Amino acid sequence: MTQHEIMRELAEIIEETKTGVLATVDRDGRPHLRWMTPAVLKDRQTALFAVTCPRFSKTTHLAANPKVEWMVQSKQLGQRLTTFWQVNCEASEFVVVETVIQEVELYEPLKNHYETVKFR
């Protein structure tokens, strides 16, 4: 695919879903993910744009480390997950990825509630 084709595809997915996940890294190297509403502008087709508040932690993360990653998906992804089983390794080769939870951050913006729970 060309750059123009991939950006057109990305713009179509964003137009359909209206959401994406932005990943940033804080000063300690800890990743942070948050739902955003990205956009592709017609005269800036090599960038994604999203609006945020300057007091949110993501702006601090971006100032310290501007490298980010976006994840967007079409609404049909769930139906296409069967492809995974057809094109990837044999069932006997699968591995299990375990993520041990150390901390959970709960943020409910409509309730103005932010809480961190540490696990032991």
N, C-alpha and C. Protein backbone atom coordinates (compact mmCIF):
# COMPACT_ATOMS: atom_id res chain seq x y z
N MET A 1 0.84 -1.18 0.00
CA MET A 1 0.00 0.00 0.00
C MET A 1 0.88 1.24 0.00
N THR A 2 0.41 2.26 -0.64
CA THR A 2 1.13 3.53 -0.61
C THR A 2 0.73 4.31 0.64
N GLN A 3 1.48 5.34 0.92
CA GLN A 3 1.17 6.20 2.08
C GLN A 3 -0.23 6.77 1.94
N HIS A 4 -0.57 7.21 0.74
CA HIS A 4 -1.90 7.79 0.51
C HIS A 4 -3.00 6.74 0.74
N GLU A 5 -2.79 5.53 0.26
CA GLU A 5 -3.79 4.48 0.43
C GLU A 5 -3.98 4.10 1.90
N ILE A 6 -2.88 4.00 2.62
CA ILE A 6 -3.00 3.63 4.04
C ILE A 6 -3.68 4.73 4.84
N MET A 7 -3.39 5.98 4.52
CA MET A 7 -4.04 7.08 5.23
C MET A 7 -5.53 7.17 4.88
N ARG A 8 -5.88 6.87 3.65
CA ARG A 8 -7.29 6.85 3.26
C ARG A 8 -8.03 5.74 4.02
N GLU A 9 -7.39 4.57 4.12
CA GLU A 9 -7.98 3.46 4.87
C GLU A 9 -8.14 3.82 6.35
N LEU A 10 -7.10 4.43 6.91
CA LEU A 10 -7.15 4.86 8.31
C LEU A 10 -8.26 5.88 8.53
N ALA A 11 -8.38 6.85 7.64
CA ALA A 11 -9.43 7.86 7.75
C ALA A 11 -10.82 7.22 7.70
N GLU A 12 -10.99 6.21 6.85
CA GLU A 12 -12.28 5.52 6.75
C GLU A 12 -12.61 4.77 8.04
N ILE A 13 -11.62 4.12 8.62
CA ILE A 13 -11.85 3.39 9.87
C ILE A 13 -12.21 4.37 10.98
N ILE A 14 -11.48 5.46 11.08
CA ILE A 14 -11.77 6.46 12.11
C ILE A 14 -13.13 7.08 11.90
N GLU A 15 -13.50 7.33 10.66
CA GLU A 15 -14.82 7.90 10.37
C GLU A 15 -15.93 6.94 10.81
N GLU A 16 -15.69 5.64 10.65
CA GLU A 16 -16.68 4.63 11.03
C GLU A 16 -16.75 4.44 12.55
N THR A 17 -15.60 4.34 13.21
CA THR A 17 -15.58 3.97 14.62
C THR A 17 -15.55 5.16 15.58
N LYS A 18 -14.98 6.27 15.13
CA LYS A 18 -14.88 7.50 15.93
C LYS A 18 -13.95 7.39 17.13
N THR A 19 -13.22 6.28 17.28
CA THR A 19 -12.35 6.12 18.44
C THR A 19 -11.03 5.46 18.07
N GLY A 20 -10.08 5.66 18.94
CA GLY A 20 -8.78 4.99 18.84
C GLY A 20 -8.17 4.96 20.23
N VAL A 21 -7.13 4.19 20.39
CA VAL A 21 -6.43 4.10 21.66
C VAL A 21 -5.04 4.70 21.47
N LEU A 22 -4.73 5.68 22.29
CA LEU A 22 -3.43 6.34 22.26
C LEU A 22 -2.56 5.78 23.37
N ALA A 23 -1.34 5.35 23.04
CA ALA A 23 -0.39 4.84 24.03
C ALA A 23 0.74 5.85 24.18
N THR A 24 0.99 6.26 25.42
CA THR A 24 2.11 7.13 25.75
C THR A 24 2.94 6.45 26.82
N VAL A 25 4.11 7.03 27.10
CA VAL A 25 4.98 6.50 28.14
C VAL A 25 5.35 7.64 29.07
N ASP A 26 5.25 7.39 30.38
CA ASP A 26 5.60 8.45 31.33
C ASP A 26 7.12 8.50 31.54
N ARG A 27 7.57 9.41 32.38
CA ARG A 27 9.02 9.59 32.62
C ARG A 27 9.70 8.34 33.17
N ASP A 28 8.94 7.48 33.84
CA ASP A 28 9.50 6.25 34.40
C ASP A 28 9.47 5.09 33.41
N GLY A 29 9.00 5.36 32.19
CA GLY A 29 8.93 4.31 31.18
C GLY A 29 7.69 3.45 31.26
N ARG A 30 6.74 3.86 32.07
CA ARG A 30 5.50 3.11 32.25
C ARG A 30 4.50 3.49 31.15
N PRO A 31 3.94 2.52 30.45
CA PRO A 31 2.98 2.83 29.39
C PRO A 31 1.62 3.24 29.94
N HIS A 32 0.93 4.08 29.19
CA HIS A 32 -0.42 4.52 29.54
C HIS A 32 -1.26 4.49 28.25
N LEU A 33 -2.45 3.92 28.36
CA LEU A 33 -3.38 3.82 27.23
C LEU A 33 -4.64 4.58 27.56
N ARG A 34 -5.17 5.26 26.56
CA ARG A 34 -6.45 5.93 26.78
C ARG A 34 -7.20 6.04 25.46
N TRP A 35 -8.53 5.94 25.61
CA TRP A 35 -9.41 6.10 24.46
C TRP A 35 -9.40 7.56 24.04
N MET A 36 -9.35 7.79 22.75
CA MET A 36 -9.35 9.14 22.20
C MET A 36 -10.29 9.16 20.99
N THR A 37 -10.55 10.36 20.51
CA THR A 37 -11.31 10.52 19.27
C THR A 37 -10.38 11.17 18.25
N PRO A 38 -9.65 10.35 17.49
CA PRO A 38 -8.70 10.91 16.54
C PRO A 38 -9.39 11.37 15.26
N ALA A 39 -8.65 12.15 14.49
CA ALA A 39 -9.16 12.63 13.19
C ALA A 39 -8.00 12.75 12.22
N VAL A 40 -8.31 12.58 10.95
CA VAL A 40 -7.37 12.84 9.87
C VAL A 40 -7.89 14.07 9.15
N LEU A 41 -7.05 15.08 9.01
CA LEU A 41 -7.45 16.30 8.31
C LEU A 41 -7.03 16.21 6.86
N LYS A 42 -7.91 16.66 5.96
CA LYS A 42 -7.66 16.51 4.52
C LYS A 42 -6.35 17.14 4.05
N ASP A 43 -5.97 18.31 4.58
CA ASP A 43 -4.74 18.93 4.13
C ASP A 43 -3.52 18.53 4.96
N ARG A 44 -3.69 17.64 5.92
CA ARG A 44 -2.57 17.14 6.74
C ARG A 44 -2.67 15.61 6.81
N GLN A 45 -2.57 14.96 5.68
CA GLN A 45 -2.83 13.52 5.61
C GLN A 45 -1.63 12.67 6.01
N THR A 46 -0.72 13.21 6.77
CA THR A 46 0.37 12.39 7.30
C THR A 46 0.38 12.45 8.82
N ALA A 47 -0.76 12.80 9.41
CA ALA A 47 -0.81 12.95 10.87
C ALA A 47 -2.21 12.62 11.38
N LEU A 48 -2.27 12.25 12.65
CA LEU A 48 -3.53 12.10 13.36
C LEU A 48 -3.64 13.25 14.34
N PHE A 49 -4.85 13.70 14.57
CA PHE A 49 -5.12 14.80 15.49
C PHE A 49 -6.14 14.36 16.52
N ALA A 50 -6.01 14.87 17.73
CA ALA A 50 -6.98 14.64 18.79
C ALA A 50 -6.91 15.82 19.75
N VAL A 51 -8.02 16.13 20.36
CA VAL A 51 -8.10 17.26 21.29
C VAL A 51 -8.03 16.72 22.71
N THR A 52 -7.29 17.42 23.56
CA THR A 52 -7.19 17.03 24.96
C THR A 52 -7.04 18.27 25.82
N CYS A 53 -7.08 18.10 27.09
CA CYS A 53 -6.92 19.20 28.04
C CYS A 53 -5.44 19.28 28.46
N PRO A 54 -4.87 20.47 28.54
CA PRO A 54 -3.44 20.58 28.87
C PRO A 54 -3.09 20.07 30.26
N ARG A 55 -4.03 19.94 31.16
CA ARG A 55 -3.71 19.46 32.51
C ARG A 55 -3.72 17.94 32.61
N PHE A 56 -4.14 17.24 31.56
CA PHE A 56 -4.17 15.78 31.59
C PHE A 56 -2.75 15.22 31.49
N SER A 57 -2.54 14.08 32.11
CA SER A 57 -1.20 13.50 32.17
C SER A 57 -0.61 13.19 30.81
N LYS A 58 -1.44 12.93 29.83
CA LYS A 58 -0.88 12.60 28.51
C LYS A 58 -0.05 13.76 27.95
N THR A 59 -0.41 14.99 28.26
CA THR A 59 0.38 16.12 27.75
C THR A 59 1.76 16.15 28.40
N THR A 60 1.85 15.80 29.67
CA THR A 60 3.15 15.69 30.34
C THR A 60 3.97 14.56 29.72
N HIS A 61 3.33 13.44 29.47
CA HIS A 61 4.01 12.31 28.84
C HIS A 61 4.56 12.70 27.48
N LEU A 62 3.74 13.39 26.70
CA LEU A 62 4.16 13.79 25.34
C LEU A 62 5.30 14.79 25.37
N ALA A 63 5.31 15.67 26.36
CA ALA A 63 6.40 16.64 26.48
C ALA A 63 7.71 15.92 26.80
N ALA A 64 7.64 14.88 27.63
CA ALA A 64 8.84 14.15 28.01
C ALA A 64 9.27 13.15 26.93
N ASN A 65 8.30 12.57 26.23
CA ASN A 65 8.59 11.56 25.21
C ASN A 65 7.51 11.63 24.14
N PRO A 66 7.78 12.27 23.01
CA PRO A 66 6.75 12.45 21.98
C PRO A 66 6.44 11.19 21.17
N LYS A 67 7.14 10.10 21.43
CA LYS A 67 6.86 8.86 20.69
C LYS A 67 5.60 8.22 21.26
N VAL A 68 4.64 7.97 20.39
CA VAL A 68 3.37 7.36 20.79
C VAL A 68 3.02 6.24 19.83
N GLU A 69 1.97 5.54 20.17
CA GLU A 69 1.42 4.55 19.27
C GLU A 69 -0.10 4.65 19.35
N TRP A 70 -0.76 4.54 18.19
CA TRP A 70 -2.21 4.54 18.11
C TRP A 70 -2.68 3.15 17.73
N MET A 71 -3.83 2.77 18.23
CA MET A 71 -4.49 1.56 17.79
C MET A 71 -5.91 1.94 17.37
N VAL A 72 -6.25 1.61 16.15
CA VAL A 72 -7.63 1.79 15.66
C VAL A 72 -8.05 0.47 15.04
N GLN A 73 -9.33 0.20 15.08
CA GLN A 73 -9.82 -1.03 14.48
C GLN A 73 -11.20 -0.80 13.89
N SER A 74 -11.49 -1.56 12.86
CA SER A 74 -12.82 -1.47 12.28
C SER A 74 -13.80 -2.21 13.18
N LYS A 75 -15.07 -1.91 13.04
CA LYS A 75 -16.10 -2.57 13.85
C LYS A 75 -16.22 -4.05 13.51
N GLN A 76 -15.71 -4.44 12.33
CA GLN A 76 -15.83 -5.84 11.91
C GLN A 76 -14.70 -6.72 12.42
N LEU A 77 -13.78 -6.18 13.19
CA LEU A 77 -12.62 -6.96 13.60
C LEU A 77 -13.02 -8.25 14.31
N GLY A 78 -13.97 -8.18 15.21
CA GLY A 78 -14.38 -9.36 15.95
C GLY A 78 -14.80 -10.51 15.05
N GLN A 79 -15.49 -10.20 13.96
CA GLN A 79 -15.93 -11.23 13.02
C GLN A 79 -14.74 -11.82 12.27
N ARG A 80 -13.67 -11.04 12.15
CA ARG A 80 -12.51 -11.50 11.38
C ARG A 80 -11.47 -12.22 12.24
N LEU A 81 -11.70 -12.33 13.53
CA LEU A 81 -10.71 -12.98 14.38
C LEU A 81 -10.50 -14.45 14.04
N THR A 82 -11.44 -15.06 13.34
CA THR A 82 -11.24 -16.46 12.93
C THR A 82 -10.03 -16.59 12.01
N THR A 83 -9.67 -15.51 11.32
CA THR A 83 -8.49 -15.52 10.46
C THR A 83 -7.25 -15.83 11.28
N PHE A 84 -7.18 -15.35 12.51
CA PHE A 84 -6.03 -15.61 13.38
C PHE A 84 -5.75 -17.10 13.47
N TRP A 85 -6.80 -17.89 13.64
CA TRP A 85 -6.63 -19.33 13.82
C TRP A 85 -6.21 -20.01 12.52
N GLN A 86 -6.43 -19.36 11.39
CA GLN A 86 -6.09 -19.96 10.10
C GLN A 86 -4.68 -19.61 9.64
N VAL A 87 -4.15 -18.47 10.04
CA VAL A 87 -2.88 -18.02 9.47
C VAL A 87 -1.72 -18.04 10.47
N ASN A 88 -1.95 -18.39 11.71
CA ASN A 88 -0.88 -18.37 12.70
C ASN A 88 -0.42 -19.77 13.03
N CYS A 89 0.36 -19.90 14.07
CA CYS A 89 1.03 -21.16 14.40
C CYS A 89 0.05 -22.29 14.71
N GLU A 90 0.62 -23.48 14.75
CA GLU A 90 -0.16 -24.67 15.09
C GLU A 90 -0.63 -24.57 16.54
N ALA A 91 -1.73 -25.21 16.86
CA ALA A 91 -2.29 -25.14 18.21
C ALA A 91 -1.27 -25.60 19.26
N SER A 92 -0.42 -26.53 18.92
CA SER A 92 0.57 -27.02 19.89
C SER A 92 1.69 -26.01 20.13
N GLU A 93 1.77 -24.96 19.31
CA GLU A 93 2.83 -23.96 19.44
C GLU A 93 2.41 -22.72 20.20
N PHE A 94 1.15 -22.59 20.57
CA PHE A 94 0.69 -21.38 21.24
C PHE A 94 1.35 -21.22 22.60
N VAL A 95 1.49 -19.97 23.02
CA VAL A 95 1.99 -19.66 24.35
C VAL A 95 0.95 -18.81 25.05
N VAL A 96 0.98 -18.83 26.37
CA VAL A 96 0.09 -18.02 27.18
C VAL A 96 0.87 -16.83 27.70
N VAL A 97 0.32 -15.64 27.55
CA VAL A 97 0.95 -14.43 28.06
C VAL A 97 0.27 -14.07 29.37
N GLU A 98 1.05 -14.04 30.44
CA GLU A 98 0.51 -13.68 31.75
C GLU A 98 0.96 -12.27 32.09
N THR A 99 0.04 -11.43 32.50
CA THR A 99 0.35 -10.09 32.95
C THR A 99 -0.04 -10.00 34.42
N VAL A 100 0.96 -9.84 35.27
CA VAL A 100 0.71 -9.72 36.69
C VAL A 100 0.36 -8.27 36.99
N ILE A 101 -0.82 -8.03 37.53
CA ILE A 101 -1.29 -6.67 37.79
C ILE A 101 -0.63 -6.13 39.04
N GLN A 102 0.00 -4.97 38.91
CA GLN A 102 0.63 -4.31 40.04
C GLN A 102 -0.16 -3.10 40.49
N GLU A 103 -0.88 -2.48 39.54
CA GLU A 103 -1.60 -1.24 39.88
C GLU A 103 -2.70 -1.03 38.85
N VAL A 104 -3.83 -0.54 39.30
CA VAL A 104 -4.95 -0.20 38.41
C VAL A 104 -5.31 1.26 38.65
N GLU A 105 -5.46 2.00 37.57
CA GLU A 105 -5.93 3.38 37.66
C GLU A 105 -7.34 3.45 37.12
N LEU A 106 -8.25 3.90 37.95
CA LEU A 106 -9.65 4.04 37.56
C LEU A 106 -9.95 5.51 37.39
N TYR A 107 -10.43 5.88 36.21
CA TYR A 107 -10.76 7.28 35.94
C TYR A 107 -12.15 7.33 35.36
N GLU A 108 -13.05 8.01 36.06
CA GLU A 108 -14.42 8.19 35.60
C GLU A 108 -14.63 9.69 35.39
N PRO A 109 -14.39 10.20 34.17
CA PRO A 109 -14.43 11.65 33.95
C PRO A 109 -15.77 12.30 34.25
N LEU A 110 -16.87 11.62 33.98
CA LEU A 110 -18.18 12.24 34.22
C LEU A 110 -18.49 12.36 35.71
N LYS A 111 -17.81 11.57 36.53
CA LYS A 111 -17.98 11.64 37.98
C LYS A 111 -16.83 12.40 38.63
N ASN A 112 -15.87 12.85 37.83
CA ASN A 112 -14.67 13.51 38.34
C ASN A 112 -14.00 12.66 39.41
N HIS A 113 -13.90 11.37 39.12
CA HIS A 113 -13.34 10.41 40.07
C HIS A 113 -12.09 9.78 39.49
N TYR A 114 -11.00 9.84 40.26
CA TYR A 114 -9.73 9.22 39.87
C TYR A 114 -9.20 8.46 41.08
N GLU A 115 -8.83 7.21 40.86
CA GLU A 115 -8.39 6.39 41.97
C GLU A 115 -7.32 5.42 41.48
N THR A 116 -6.30 5.22 42.30
CA THR A 116 -5.26 4.24 42.02
C THR A 116 -5.31 3.16 43.08
N VAL A 117 -5.34 1.91 42.63
CA VAL A 117 -5.35 0.77 43.53
C VAL A 117 -4.10 -0.05 43.25
N LYS A 118 -3.27 -0.22 44.28
CA LYS A 118 -2.04 -1.02 44.14
C LYS A 118 -2.32 -2.45 44.57
N PHE A 119 -1.81 -3.40 43.81
CA PHE A 119 -1.95 -4.82 44.12
C PHE A 119 -0.68 -5.29 44.82
N ARG A 120 -0.81 -6.31 45.64
CA ARG A 120 0.37 -6.85 46.34
C ARG A 120 0.78 -8.16 45.77
